[in-house]
C-alpha cells in the first residue's frame, strides 16, 4: 500500500495543519505497517516558480524545438503526476494564506495537471484527506464569512477534478491565542482544535480501510 503525503506549511516547526495530518497518517500507518509513505513538502522544498509556465509553453512547442527549461519542466510535471497516481490514498495538509490557497500548492497542482492532463482524475475513487488550517474564523455569521477562498478551490481540484473520495478536516481560529482582539474566542478555538484532532483520527482510519 502506498500513501502520498503532501504538506504546504511555510512554518513546519509550528504547523497546525501538519499536527492534524500526522494523526491521520498515524492511523493509516498503524493499519498498513508495511506500507510506503511518499512525502512532498512544498513549504520547505518549493517547486520552481517558472516550471509550470515552461511546461505549458512546451506543449505549444514542437518537440525538436523545445529548450532545456521546457524539457525539465515536462519531466518534473510527469514525475509529480506519477507520485499522485501511484498512491492508494492521500493526505494533503494545506493551510490558508492571505485568504487563499498557498502559492506552493497552486504551483504543484498546476504541474500535476500539466503532467497528467487537464481532465485526468489522478485520484479517481481513492480515499483522500484534505487538512486545512485557518488563522481566523470565516464560518456562517463571522464578520469575514466568505473570505476563505482556499477550501472551495481545494475541494474542486482534489475532489471534483481529480476524483478523490475526499474528506475535509478544517481547523479555524488557530491564531486566537496569539492575536490581540481574539481573546474571547479562545474557548471556541480550543474546541475546534479538539474536534479537528478527532476528525483526523477518524479520517485516517477511514482511508486505511478500517
N, C-alpha and C. Protein backbone atom coordinates (compact mmCIF):
# COMPACT_ATOMS: atom_id res chain seq x y z
N UNK A 1 0.84 -1.19 0.00
CA UNK A 1 0.00 0.00 0.00
C UNK A 1 0.88 1.25 0.00
N UNK A 2 0.38 2.27 -0.66
CA UNK A 2 1.17 3.47 -0.88
C UNK A 2 0.35 4.70 -0.49
N UNK A 3 0.86 5.47 0.48
CA UNK A 3 0.22 6.71 0.90
C UNK A 3 1.03 7.88 0.38
N UNK A 4 0.35 8.84 -0.23
CA UNK A 4 1.01 10.09 -0.64
C UNK A 4 0.69 11.15 0.39
N UNK A 5 1.72 11.78 0.97
CA UNK A 5 1.55 12.83 1.97
C UNK A 5 2.17 14.11 1.46
N UNK A 6 1.35 15.16 1.40
CA UNK A 6 1.81 16.47 0.95
C UNK A 6 1.59 17.49 2.05
N UNK A 7 2.59 18.35 2.27
CA UNK A 7 2.47 19.47 3.21
C UNK A 7 2.82 20.76 2.49
N UNK A 8 2.18 21.84 2.91
CA UNK A 8 2.42 23.13 2.25
C UNK A 8 2.70 24.26 3.24
N UNK A 9 2.86 23.94 4.52
CA UNK A 9 3.11 24.99 5.50
C UNK A 9 4.50 25.59 5.31
N UNK A 10 4.60 26.91 5.43
CA UNK A 10 5.89 27.58 5.35
C UNK A 10 6.55 27.67 6.73
N UNK A 11 5.85 27.17 7.76
CA UNK A 11 6.38 27.16 9.13
C UNK A 11 6.28 25.73 9.67
N UNK A 12 7.08 24.82 9.14
CA UNK A 12 6.91 23.41 9.50
C UNK A 12 7.09 23.11 10.98
N UNK A 13 7.91 23.91 11.67
CA UNK A 13 8.15 23.64 13.07
C UNK A 13 6.95 23.88 13.96
N UNK A 14 6.03 24.72 13.51
CA UNK A 14 4.84 25.04 14.30
C UNK A 14 3.56 24.84 13.49
N UNK A 15 3.61 23.99 12.51
CA UNK A 15 2.49 23.83 11.59
C UNK A 15 1.29 23.15 12.25
N UNK A 16 0.16 23.86 12.26
CA UNK A 16 -1.06 23.25 12.80
C UNK A 16 -1.67 22.26 11.82
N UNK A 17 -1.50 22.50 10.54
CA UNK A 17 -2.02 21.53 9.56
C UNK A 17 -1.24 20.22 9.63
N UNK A 18 0.07 20.31 9.85
CA UNK A 18 0.88 19.10 9.97
C UNK A 18 0.51 18.30 11.21
N UNK A 19 0.24 19.00 12.32
CA UNK A 19 -0.16 18.31 13.55
C UNK A 19 -1.39 17.45 13.30
N UNK A 20 -2.35 18.00 12.60
CA UNK A 20 -3.59 17.27 12.32
C UNK A 20 -3.33 16.14 11.33
N UNK A 21 -2.59 16.44 10.27
CA UNK A 21 -2.30 15.42 9.26
C UNK A 21 -1.50 14.27 9.84
N UNK A 22 -0.62 14.55 10.80
CA UNK A 22 0.18 13.50 11.42
C UNK A 22 -0.71 12.43 12.06
N UNK A 23 -1.81 12.84 12.65
CA UNK A 23 -2.71 11.89 13.30
C UNK A 23 -3.37 10.98 12.26
N UNK A 24 -3.79 11.58 11.14
CA UNK A 24 -4.39 10.77 10.08
C UNK A 24 -3.37 9.79 9.52
N UNK A 25 -2.14 10.26 9.33
CA UNK A 25 -1.10 9.38 8.81
C UNK A 25 -0.80 8.24 9.79
N UNK A 26 -0.79 8.55 11.06
CA UNK A 26 -0.50 7.52 12.07
C UNK A 26 -1.54 6.41 12.02
N UNK A 27 -2.79 6.77 11.83
CA UNK A 27 -3.84 5.76 11.74
C UNK A 27 -3.65 4.89 10.49
N UNK A 28 -3.31 5.52 9.38
CA UNK A 28 -3.07 4.76 8.15
C UNK A 28 -1.87 3.83 8.32
N UNK A 29 -0.80 4.33 8.90
CA UNK A 29 0.42 3.54 9.08
C UNK A 29 0.19 2.36 10.03
N UNK A 30 -0.63 2.58 11.06
CA UNK A 30 -0.92 1.50 12.00
C UNK A 30 -1.66 0.36 11.31
N UNK A 31 -2.50 0.72 10.34
CA UNK A 31 -3.25 -0.31 9.62
C UNK A 31 -2.43 -0.95 8.50
N UNK A 32 -1.37 -0.26 8.06
CA UNK A 32 -0.53 -0.77 6.97
C UNK A 32 0.94 -0.67 7.39
N UNK A 33 1.38 -1.49 8.35
CA UNK A 33 2.74 -1.37 8.86
C UNK A 33 3.82 -1.60 7.80
N UNK A 34 3.49 -2.27 6.73
CA UNK A 34 4.46 -2.47 5.66
C UNK A 34 4.28 -1.52 4.51
N UNK A 35 3.42 -0.53 4.70
CA UNK A 35 3.11 0.41 3.62
C UNK A 35 4.21 1.42 3.40
N UNK A 36 4.13 2.08 2.25
CA UNK A 36 5.11 3.10 1.87
C UNK A 36 4.45 4.47 1.93
N UNK A 37 5.15 5.44 2.52
CA UNK A 37 4.67 6.82 2.55
C UNK A 37 5.59 7.66 1.68
N UNK A 38 5.03 8.21 0.62
CA UNK A 38 5.77 9.11 -0.27
C UNK A 38 5.46 10.54 0.17
N UNK A 39 6.49 11.31 0.50
CA UNK A 39 6.28 12.65 1.05
C UNK A 39 6.76 13.72 0.09
N UNK A 40 6.02 14.81 0.09
CA UNK A 40 6.47 16.01 -0.63
C UNK A 40 6.08 17.21 0.23
N UNK A 41 7.09 17.99 0.61
CA UNK A 41 6.84 19.17 1.44
C UNK A 41 7.10 20.42 0.61
N UNK A 42 6.05 21.07 0.22
CA UNK A 42 6.16 22.23 -0.66
C UNK A 42 6.63 23.48 0.06
N UNK A 43 6.45 23.52 1.39
CA UNK A 43 6.90 24.69 2.14
C UNK A 43 8.40 24.73 2.32
N UNK A 44 9.00 23.57 2.57
CA UNK A 44 10.45 23.53 2.79
C UNK A 44 11.21 23.21 1.51
N UNK A 45 10.55 22.64 0.53
CA UNK A 45 11.20 22.30 -0.74
C UNK A 45 10.29 22.75 -1.89
N UNK A 46 10.13 24.06 -2.06
CA UNK A 46 9.18 24.58 -3.06
C UNK A 46 9.62 24.24 -4.47
N UNK A 47 8.64 24.13 -5.33
CA UNK A 47 8.90 23.86 -6.74
C UNK A 47 9.29 25.15 -7.46
N UNK A 48 10.05 25.06 -8.53
CA UNK A 48 10.45 26.27 -9.27
C UNK A 48 9.23 27.03 -9.78
N UNK A 49 9.22 28.33 -9.56
CA UNK A 49 8.07 29.14 -9.95
C UNK A 49 7.86 29.17 -11.46
N UNK A 50 8.93 28.95 -12.22
CA UNK A 50 8.79 29.02 -13.67
C UNK A 50 8.51 27.66 -14.30
N UNK A 51 8.38 26.62 -13.48
CA UNK A 51 8.20 25.28 -14.05
C UNK A 51 6.89 25.14 -14.80
N UNK A 52 5.80 25.62 -14.19
CA UNK A 52 4.51 25.46 -14.87
C UNK A 52 4.44 26.26 -16.17
N UNK A 53 4.83 27.55 -16.19
CA UNK A 53 4.83 28.25 -17.48
C UNK A 53 5.66 27.55 -18.54
N UNK A 54 6.80 26.99 -18.15
CA UNK A 54 7.63 26.28 -19.12
C UNK A 54 6.98 24.99 -19.59
N UNK A 55 6.27 24.31 -18.69
CA UNK A 55 5.57 23.09 -19.09
C UNK A 55 4.45 23.41 -20.08
N UNK A 56 3.75 24.50 -19.81
CA UNK A 56 2.68 24.91 -20.73
C UNK A 56 3.26 25.32 -22.08
N UNK A 57 4.32 26.11 -22.03
CA UNK A 57 4.95 26.55 -23.27
C UNK A 57 5.45 25.36 -24.09
N UNK A 58 5.96 24.34 -23.40
CA UNK A 58 6.46 23.16 -24.10
C UNK A 58 5.35 22.46 -24.88
N UNK A 59 4.14 22.53 -24.35
CA UNK A 59 3.03 21.89 -25.04
C UNK A 59 2.68 22.55 -26.36
N UNK A 60 3.10 23.79 -26.53
CA UNK A 60 2.84 24.52 -27.76
C UNK A 60 4.10 24.64 -28.62
N UNK A 61 5.13 23.90 -28.23
CA UNK A 61 6.40 23.97 -28.95
C UNK A 61 6.71 22.60 -29.56
N UNK A 62 7.00 22.54 -30.84
CA UNK A 62 7.39 21.25 -31.44
C UNK A 62 8.53 20.62 -30.65
N UNK A 63 8.50 19.30 -30.53
CA UNK A 63 9.46 18.60 -29.68
C UNK A 63 10.90 18.92 -30.05
N UNK A 64 11.18 19.01 -31.34
CA UNK A 64 12.57 19.26 -31.74
C UNK A 64 13.00 20.71 -31.53
N UNK A 65 12.05 21.56 -31.11
CA UNK A 65 12.38 22.96 -30.86
C UNK A 65 12.35 23.30 -29.36
N UNK A 66 12.06 22.33 -28.54
CA UNK A 66 11.99 22.60 -27.11
C UNK A 66 13.40 22.83 -26.55
N UNK A 67 13.47 23.79 -25.63
CA UNK A 67 14.74 24.09 -24.98
C UNK A 67 14.83 23.34 -23.65
N UNK A 68 15.99 23.42 -23.02
CA UNK A 68 16.22 22.66 -21.79
C UNK A 68 15.20 22.99 -20.69
N UNK A 69 14.85 24.28 -20.47
CA UNK A 69 13.82 24.57 -19.45
C UNK A 69 12.49 23.88 -19.76
N UNK A 70 12.13 23.76 -21.04
CA UNK A 70 10.90 23.06 -21.41
C UNK A 70 10.98 21.59 -21.00
N UNK A 71 12.10 20.97 -21.32
CA UNK A 71 12.26 19.54 -21.04
C UNK A 71 12.29 19.27 -19.54
N UNK A 72 12.96 20.14 -18.78
CA UNK A 72 12.99 19.95 -17.33
C UNK A 72 11.60 20.09 -16.74
N UNK A 73 10.85 21.05 -17.21
CA UNK A 73 9.51 21.28 -16.69
C UNK A 73 8.58 20.11 -17.01
N UNK A 74 8.67 19.59 -18.22
CA UNK A 74 7.83 18.44 -18.59
C UNK A 74 8.19 17.22 -17.76
N UNK A 75 9.47 17.01 -17.52
CA UNK A 75 9.90 15.87 -16.71
C UNK A 75 9.40 16.01 -15.28
N UNK A 76 9.51 17.22 -14.72
CA UNK A 76 9.03 17.45 -13.36
C UNK A 76 7.53 17.24 -13.27
N UNK A 77 6.77 17.77 -14.22
CA UNK A 77 5.33 17.61 -14.22
C UNK A 77 4.93 16.14 -14.28
N UNK A 78 5.63 15.37 -15.10
CA UNK A 78 5.32 13.95 -15.23
C UNK A 78 5.61 13.21 -13.92
N UNK A 79 6.72 13.56 -13.26
CA UNK A 79 7.07 12.90 -12.01
C UNK A 79 6.08 13.24 -10.90
N UNK A 80 5.65 14.48 -10.85
CA UNK A 80 4.68 14.88 -9.82
C UNK A 80 3.35 14.18 -10.04
N UNK A 81 2.92 14.10 -11.28
CA UNK A 81 1.66 13.41 -11.58
C UNK A 81 1.74 11.94 -11.22
N UNK A 82 2.87 11.31 -11.50
CA UNK A 82 3.05 9.89 -11.20
C UNK A 82 3.01 9.64 -9.69
N UNK A 83 3.59 10.54 -8.90
CA UNK A 83 3.54 10.39 -7.44
C UNK A 83 2.11 10.29 -6.95
N UNK A 84 1.25 11.12 -7.50
CA UNK A 84 -0.15 11.12 -7.07
C UNK A 84 -0.87 9.89 -7.61
N UNK A 85 -0.69 9.59 -8.87
CA UNK A 85 -1.40 8.47 -9.48
C UNK A 85 -1.01 7.13 -8.87
N UNK A 86 0.21 7.02 -8.38
CA UNK A 86 0.68 5.76 -7.80
C UNK A 86 0.15 5.51 -6.40
N UNK A 87 -0.47 6.50 -5.79
CA UNK A 87 -0.92 6.38 -4.41
C UNK A 87 -2.22 5.58 -4.32
N UNK A 88 -2.34 4.84 -3.21
CA UNK A 88 -3.60 4.18 -2.88
C UNK A 88 -4.47 5.08 -2.02
N UNK A 89 -3.86 6.04 -1.36
CA UNK A 89 -4.56 7.01 -0.52
C UNK A 89 -3.69 8.25 -0.42
N UNK A 90 -4.29 9.36 -0.01
CA UNK A 90 -3.53 10.61 0.05
C UNK A 90 -3.95 11.44 1.25
N UNK A 91 -2.98 12.15 1.81
CA UNK A 91 -3.22 13.14 2.85
C UNK A 91 -2.56 14.43 2.39
N UNK A 92 -3.34 15.51 2.32
CA UNK A 92 -2.85 16.80 1.87
C UNK A 92 -3.08 17.82 2.98
N UNK A 93 -2.00 18.40 3.48
CA UNK A 93 -2.09 19.39 4.55
C UNK A 93 -1.77 20.76 3.97
N UNK A 94 -2.81 21.58 3.82
CA UNK A 94 -2.66 22.84 3.07
C UNK A 94 -3.29 23.99 3.87
N UNK A 95 -2.48 24.84 4.51
CA UNK A 95 -3.03 25.98 5.25
C UNK A 95 -3.59 27.05 4.31
N UNK A 96 -4.43 27.89 4.86
CA UNK A 96 -4.90 29.09 4.16
C UNK A 96 -3.90 30.21 4.42
N UNK A 97 -3.50 30.91 3.36
CA UNK A 97 -2.63 32.07 3.49
C UNK A 97 -3.25 33.26 2.78
N UNK A 98 -3.40 34.36 3.52
CA UNK A 98 -3.94 35.60 2.93
C UNK A 98 -5.24 35.35 2.17
N UNK A 99 -6.10 34.58 2.81
CA UNK A 99 -7.46 34.31 2.32
C UNK A 99 -7.52 33.38 1.12
N UNK A 100 -6.40 32.82 0.71
CA UNK A 100 -6.39 31.96 -0.47
C UNK A 100 -5.49 30.75 -0.29
N UNK A 101 -5.37 29.99 -1.37
CA UNK A 101 -4.55 28.78 -1.34
C UNK A 101 -3.07 29.15 -1.40
N UNK A 102 -2.25 28.34 -0.76
CA UNK A 102 -0.81 28.53 -0.79
C UNK A 102 -0.29 28.56 -2.22
N UNK A 103 0.59 29.52 -2.50
CA UNK A 103 1.18 29.60 -3.84
C UNK A 103 1.97 28.34 -4.16
N UNK A 104 2.55 27.71 -3.13
CA UNK A 104 3.30 26.48 -3.34
C UNK A 104 2.38 25.36 -3.81
N UNK A 105 1.21 25.28 -3.18
CA UNK A 105 0.25 24.25 -3.59
C UNK A 105 -0.26 24.52 -5.00
N UNK A 106 -0.52 25.78 -5.30
CA UNK A 106 -1.04 26.11 -6.63
C UNK A 106 -0.05 25.72 -7.72
N UNK A 107 1.24 25.99 -7.50
CA UNK A 107 2.25 25.59 -8.46
C UNK A 107 2.27 24.08 -8.63
N UNK A 108 2.22 23.37 -7.50
CA UNK A 108 2.22 21.90 -7.55
C UNK A 108 1.00 21.37 -8.31
N UNK A 109 -0.18 21.88 -7.97
CA UNK A 109 -1.40 21.41 -8.62
C UNK A 109 -1.38 21.69 -10.12
N UNK A 110 -0.91 22.86 -10.50
CA UNK A 110 -0.83 23.19 -11.93
C UNK A 110 0.11 22.23 -12.66
N UNK A 111 1.22 21.88 -12.00
CA UNK A 111 2.16 20.96 -12.63
C UNK A 111 1.60 19.54 -12.72
N UNK A 112 0.89 19.11 -11.69
CA UNK A 112 0.25 17.79 -11.76
C UNK A 112 -0.75 17.75 -12.90
N UNK A 113 -1.53 18.82 -13.05
CA UNK A 113 -2.50 18.89 -14.14
C UNK A 113 -1.79 18.86 -15.49
N UNK A 114 -0.67 19.57 -15.59
CA UNK A 114 0.09 19.55 -16.84
C UNK A 114 0.65 18.16 -17.13
N UNK A 115 1.15 17.50 -16.08
CA UNK A 115 1.77 16.21 -16.28
C UNK A 115 0.80 15.09 -16.57
N UNK A 116 -0.38 15.16 -15.98
CA UNK A 116 -1.36 14.08 -16.14
C UNK A 116 -2.37 14.36 -17.25
N UNK A 117 -2.59 15.64 -17.53
CA UNK A 117 -3.64 16.02 -18.46
C UNK A 117 -4.76 16.72 -17.70
N UNK A 118 -5.33 17.72 -18.30
CA UNK A 118 -6.29 18.59 -17.61
C UNK A 118 -7.54 17.86 -17.15
N UNK A 119 -7.89 16.78 -17.80
CA UNK A 119 -9.13 16.07 -17.45
C UNK A 119 -8.86 14.71 -16.83
N UNK A 120 -7.63 14.42 -16.45
CA UNK A 120 -7.30 13.11 -15.89
C UNK A 120 -7.58 13.08 -14.39
N UNK A 121 -8.44 12.19 -13.92
CA UNK A 121 -8.73 12.10 -12.48
C UNK A 121 -7.65 11.28 -11.78
N UNK A 122 -6.58 11.92 -11.38
CA UNK A 122 -5.39 11.22 -10.87
C UNK A 122 -5.65 10.50 -9.55
N UNK A 123 -6.72 10.83 -8.85
CA UNK A 123 -7.06 10.16 -7.59
C UNK A 123 -8.44 9.51 -7.68
N UNK A 124 -8.85 9.12 -8.84
CA UNK A 124 -10.21 8.62 -9.05
C UNK A 124 -10.55 7.47 -8.11
N UNK A 125 -11.57 7.72 -7.28
CA UNK A 125 -12.06 6.70 -6.38
C UNK A 125 -11.17 6.38 -5.20
N UNK A 126 -10.07 7.09 -5.05
CA UNK A 126 -9.14 6.81 -3.96
C UNK A 126 -9.45 7.69 -2.75
N UNK A 127 -9.30 7.16 -1.55
CA UNK A 127 -9.60 7.97 -0.36
C UNK A 127 -8.52 9.02 -0.12
N UNK A 128 -8.94 10.20 0.20
CA UNK A 128 -8.01 11.30 0.46
C UNK A 128 -8.53 12.16 1.60
N UNK A 129 -7.59 12.65 2.40
CA UNK A 129 -7.91 13.57 3.49
C UNK A 129 -7.27 14.91 3.16
N UNK A 130 -8.07 15.95 3.13
CA UNK A 130 -7.58 17.31 2.98
C UNK A 130 -7.64 18.00 4.34
N UNK A 131 -6.48 18.33 4.89
CA UNK A 131 -6.40 19.05 6.16
C UNK A 131 -6.09 20.50 5.85
N UNK A 132 -6.91 21.40 6.36
CA UNK A 132 -6.63 22.81 6.15
C UNK A 132 -6.78 23.55 7.47
N UNK A 133 -5.85 24.45 7.74
CA UNK A 133 -5.88 25.23 8.98
C UNK A 133 -5.97 26.70 8.63
N UNK A 134 -6.74 27.41 9.44
CA UNK A 134 -7.10 28.80 9.14
C UNK A 134 -6.94 29.64 10.40
N UNK A 135 -6.22 30.74 10.30
CA UNK A 135 -5.94 31.55 11.47
C UNK A 135 -7.15 32.22 12.08
N UNK A 136 -8.06 32.71 11.24
CA UNK A 136 -9.25 33.39 11.73
C UNK A 136 -10.48 32.51 11.65
N UNK A 137 -11.63 33.18 11.63
CA UNK A 137 -12.90 32.47 11.53
C UNK A 137 -13.70 33.00 10.35
N UNK A 138 -14.08 32.10 9.45
CA UNK A 138 -14.79 32.51 8.24
C UNK A 138 -16.10 31.77 8.05
N UNK A 139 -16.59 31.14 9.11
CA UNK A 139 -17.82 30.37 9.02
C UNK A 139 -19.06 31.26 9.05
N UNK A 140 -20.25 30.63 8.98
CA UNK A 140 -21.51 31.37 8.99
C UNK A 140 -21.62 32.31 10.18
N UNK A 141 -21.95 33.56 9.92
CA UNK A 141 -22.11 34.56 10.97
C UNK A 141 -20.86 35.30 11.36
N UNK A 142 -19.70 34.83 10.91
CA UNK A 142 -18.45 35.51 11.22
C UNK A 142 -18.33 36.80 10.41
N UNK A 143 -17.65 37.82 10.95
CA UNK A 143 -17.50 39.08 10.20
C UNK A 143 -16.88 38.88 8.82
N UNK A 144 -16.03 37.88 8.68
CA UNK A 144 -15.39 37.63 7.39
C UNK A 144 -15.89 36.33 6.75
N UNK A 145 -17.13 36.05 6.99
CA UNK A 145 -17.74 34.90 6.31
C UNK A 145 -17.57 35.05 4.80
N UNK A 146 -17.12 33.98 4.15
CA UNK A 146 -16.93 34.01 2.71
C UNK A 146 -15.54 34.41 2.26
N UNK A 147 -14.68 34.74 3.23
CA UNK A 147 -13.32 35.16 2.86
C UNK A 147 -12.37 33.97 2.67
N UNK A 148 -12.81 32.79 2.99
CA UNK A 148 -11.98 31.60 2.76
C UNK A 148 -12.09 31.23 1.28
N UNK A 149 -11.11 31.66 0.51
CA UNK A 149 -11.08 31.36 -0.92
C UNK A 149 -10.17 30.18 -1.23
N UNK A 150 -9.73 29.49 -0.19
CA UNK A 150 -8.83 28.35 -0.37
C UNK A 150 -9.59 27.02 -0.38
N UNK A 151 -10.40 26.79 0.66
CA UNK A 151 -11.05 25.48 0.79
C UNK A 151 -11.91 25.12 -0.42
N UNK A 152 -12.74 26.02 -0.94
CA UNK A 152 -13.53 25.64 -2.12
C UNK A 152 -12.66 25.26 -3.32
N UNK A 153 -11.55 25.98 -3.51
CA UNK A 153 -10.64 25.64 -4.61
C UNK A 153 -10.05 24.25 -4.41
N UNK A 154 -9.59 23.97 -3.19
CA UNK A 154 -9.01 22.67 -2.90
C UNK A 154 -10.01 21.55 -3.13
N UNK A 155 -11.24 21.76 -2.72
CA UNK A 155 -12.27 20.75 -2.93
C UNK A 155 -12.55 20.53 -4.41
N UNK A 156 -12.57 21.62 -5.18
CA UNK A 156 -12.81 21.48 -6.62
C UNK A 156 -11.71 20.68 -7.29
N UNK A 157 -10.45 20.99 -6.94
CA UNK A 157 -9.32 20.32 -7.59
C UNK A 157 -9.21 18.87 -7.15
N UNK A 158 -9.12 18.65 -5.84
CA UNK A 158 -8.85 17.30 -5.34
C UNK A 158 -10.06 16.39 -5.46
N UNK A 159 -11.23 16.93 -5.13
CA UNK A 159 -12.42 16.11 -5.17
C UNK A 159 -13.07 16.02 -6.53
N UNK A 160 -13.34 17.18 -7.14
CA UNK A 160 -14.09 17.18 -8.39
C UNK A 160 -13.22 16.89 -9.60
N UNK A 161 -12.10 17.57 -9.73
CA UNK A 161 -11.25 17.38 -10.90
C UNK A 161 -10.48 16.06 -10.82
N UNK A 162 -9.89 15.78 -9.68
CA UNK A 162 -9.06 14.58 -9.55
C UNK A 162 -9.83 13.35 -9.10
N UNK A 163 -11.08 13.53 -8.71
CA UNK A 163 -11.94 12.39 -8.45
C UNK A 163 -11.72 11.67 -7.14
N UNK A 164 -11.05 12.28 -6.17
CA UNK A 164 -10.79 11.62 -4.90
C UNK A 164 -12.07 11.45 -4.09
N UNK A 165 -12.11 10.40 -3.29
CA UNK A 165 -13.15 10.23 -2.28
C UNK A 165 -12.70 11.07 -1.08
N UNK A 166 -13.12 12.32 -1.06
CA UNK A 166 -12.48 13.33 -0.23
C UNK A 166 -13.17 13.57 1.10
N UNK A 167 -12.34 13.61 2.16
CA UNK A 167 -12.77 14.04 3.48
C UNK A 167 -12.00 15.30 3.85
N UNK A 168 -12.70 16.34 4.26
CA UNK A 168 -12.06 17.61 4.63
C UNK A 168 -12.05 17.75 6.14
N UNK A 169 -10.88 18.01 6.69
CA UNK A 169 -10.73 18.30 8.12
C UNK A 169 -10.22 19.73 8.22
N UNK A 170 -11.05 20.60 8.79
CA UNK A 170 -10.70 22.03 8.84
C UNK A 170 -10.61 22.48 10.30
N UNK A 171 -9.56 23.21 10.59
CA UNK A 171 -9.44 23.85 11.90
C UNK A 171 -9.31 25.35 11.70
N UNK A 172 -10.24 26.11 12.29
CA UNK A 172 -10.19 27.56 12.23
C UNK A 172 -9.68 28.12 13.56
N UNK A 173 -9.46 29.43 13.59
CA UNK A 173 -9.10 30.18 14.79
C UNK A 173 -7.74 29.74 15.37
N UNK A 174 -6.82 29.34 14.51
CA UNK A 174 -5.52 28.89 15.02
C UNK A 174 -4.69 30.03 15.60
N UNK A 175 -5.02 31.27 15.28
CA UNK A 175 -4.27 32.42 15.78
C UNK A 175 -4.91 33.08 16.99
N UNK A 176 -5.95 32.45 17.54
CA UNK A 176 -6.67 33.08 18.65
C UNK A 176 -5.78 33.31 19.86
N UNK A 177 -4.85 32.42 20.11
CA UNK A 177 -4.02 32.53 21.31
C UNK A 177 -2.93 33.57 21.19
N UNK A 178 -2.66 34.06 20.00
CA UNK A 178 -1.53 34.98 19.81
C UNK A 178 -1.93 36.30 19.17
N UNK A 179 -3.20 36.49 18.88
CA UNK A 179 -3.64 37.69 18.17
C UNK A 179 -4.48 38.58 19.07
N UNK A 180 -4.05 39.82 19.32
CA UNK A 180 -4.86 40.73 20.12
C UNK A 180 -6.25 40.91 19.52
N UNK A 181 -7.26 40.92 20.39
CA UNK A 181 -8.63 41.07 19.94
C UNK A 181 -9.35 39.75 19.76
N UNK A 182 -8.62 38.63 19.81
CA UNK A 182 -9.25 37.32 19.64
C UNK A 182 -9.35 36.56 20.97
N UNK A 183 -9.09 37.26 22.08
CA UNK A 183 -9.09 36.58 23.37
C UNK A 183 -10.43 35.91 23.69
N UNK A 184 -11.50 36.54 23.26
CA UNK A 184 -12.83 35.99 23.53
C UNK A 184 -13.14 34.73 22.75
N UNK A 185 -12.27 34.36 21.83
CA UNK A 185 -12.50 33.17 21.01
C UNK A 185 -11.66 31.98 21.44
N UNK A 186 -10.95 32.11 22.56
CA UNK A 186 -10.03 31.06 22.98
C UNK A 186 -10.74 29.74 23.24
N UNK A 187 -11.87 29.78 23.92
CA UNK A 187 -12.59 28.53 24.21
C UNK A 187 -13.08 27.88 22.93
N UNK A 188 -13.61 28.68 22.03
CA UNK A 188 -14.08 28.14 20.75
C UNK A 188 -12.92 27.58 19.95
N UNK A 189 -11.80 28.27 19.98
CA UNK A 189 -10.62 27.80 19.27
C UNK A 189 -10.15 26.46 19.82
N UNK A 190 -10.16 26.31 21.14
CA UNK A 190 -9.75 25.06 21.76
C UNK A 190 -10.69 23.92 21.37
N UNK A 191 -11.97 24.20 21.32
CA UNK A 191 -12.93 23.18 20.91
C UNK A 191 -12.75 22.79 19.45
N UNK A 192 -12.50 23.78 18.60
CA UNK A 192 -12.26 23.46 17.20
C UNK A 192 -11.00 22.62 17.03
N UNK A 193 -9.99 22.92 17.83
CA UNK A 193 -8.76 22.12 17.81
C UNK A 193 -9.06 20.68 18.19
N UNK A 194 -9.78 20.50 19.26
CA UNK A 194 -10.12 19.15 19.72
C UNK A 194 -10.90 18.39 18.64
N UNK A 195 -11.90 19.06 18.06
CA UNK A 195 -12.71 18.41 17.03
C UNK A 195 -11.88 18.04 15.81
N UNK A 196 -10.95 18.91 15.43
CA UNK A 196 -10.12 18.63 14.25
C UNK A 196 -9.22 17.43 14.50
N UNK A 197 -8.66 17.32 15.69
CA UNK A 197 -7.81 16.18 16.00
C UNK A 197 -8.59 14.88 15.96
N UNK A 198 -9.78 14.88 16.51
CA UNK A 198 -10.61 13.68 16.48
C UNK A 198 -11.04 13.34 15.06
N UNK A 199 -11.40 14.37 14.29
CA UNK A 199 -11.79 14.14 12.90
C UNK A 199 -10.63 13.56 12.10
N UNK A 200 -9.42 14.01 12.40
CA UNK A 200 -8.24 13.48 11.70
C UNK A 200 -8.05 12.01 12.00
N UNK A 201 -8.22 11.62 13.24
CA UNK A 201 -8.09 10.20 13.58
C UNK A 201 -9.13 9.37 12.83
N UNK A 202 -10.35 9.85 12.82
CA UNK A 202 -11.42 9.13 12.13
C UNK A 202 -11.14 9.05 10.62
N UNK A 203 -10.67 10.15 10.06
CA UNK A 203 -10.37 10.17 8.62
C UNK A 203 -9.22 9.23 8.29
N UNK A 204 -8.21 9.18 9.16
CA UNK A 204 -7.08 8.29 8.96
C UNK A 204 -7.52 6.83 8.97
N UNK A 205 -8.42 6.50 9.89
CA UNK A 205 -8.92 5.13 9.93
C UNK A 205 -9.73 4.82 8.67
N UNK A 206 -10.46 5.81 8.20
CA UNK A 206 -11.29 5.61 7.01
C UNK A 206 -10.45 5.36 5.77
N UNK A 207 -9.41 6.16 5.57
CA UNK A 207 -8.61 5.97 4.34
C UNK A 207 -7.77 4.70 4.43
N UNK A 208 -7.58 4.21 5.67
CA UNK A 208 -6.84 2.95 5.83
C UNK A 208 -7.74 1.74 5.58
N UNK A 209 -9.04 2.00 5.47
CA UNK A 209 -9.97 0.92 5.23
C UNK A 209 -10.51 0.30 6.50
N UNK A 210 -10.33 0.99 7.62
CA UNK A 210 -10.83 0.46 8.90
C UNK A 210 -12.20 1.04 9.25
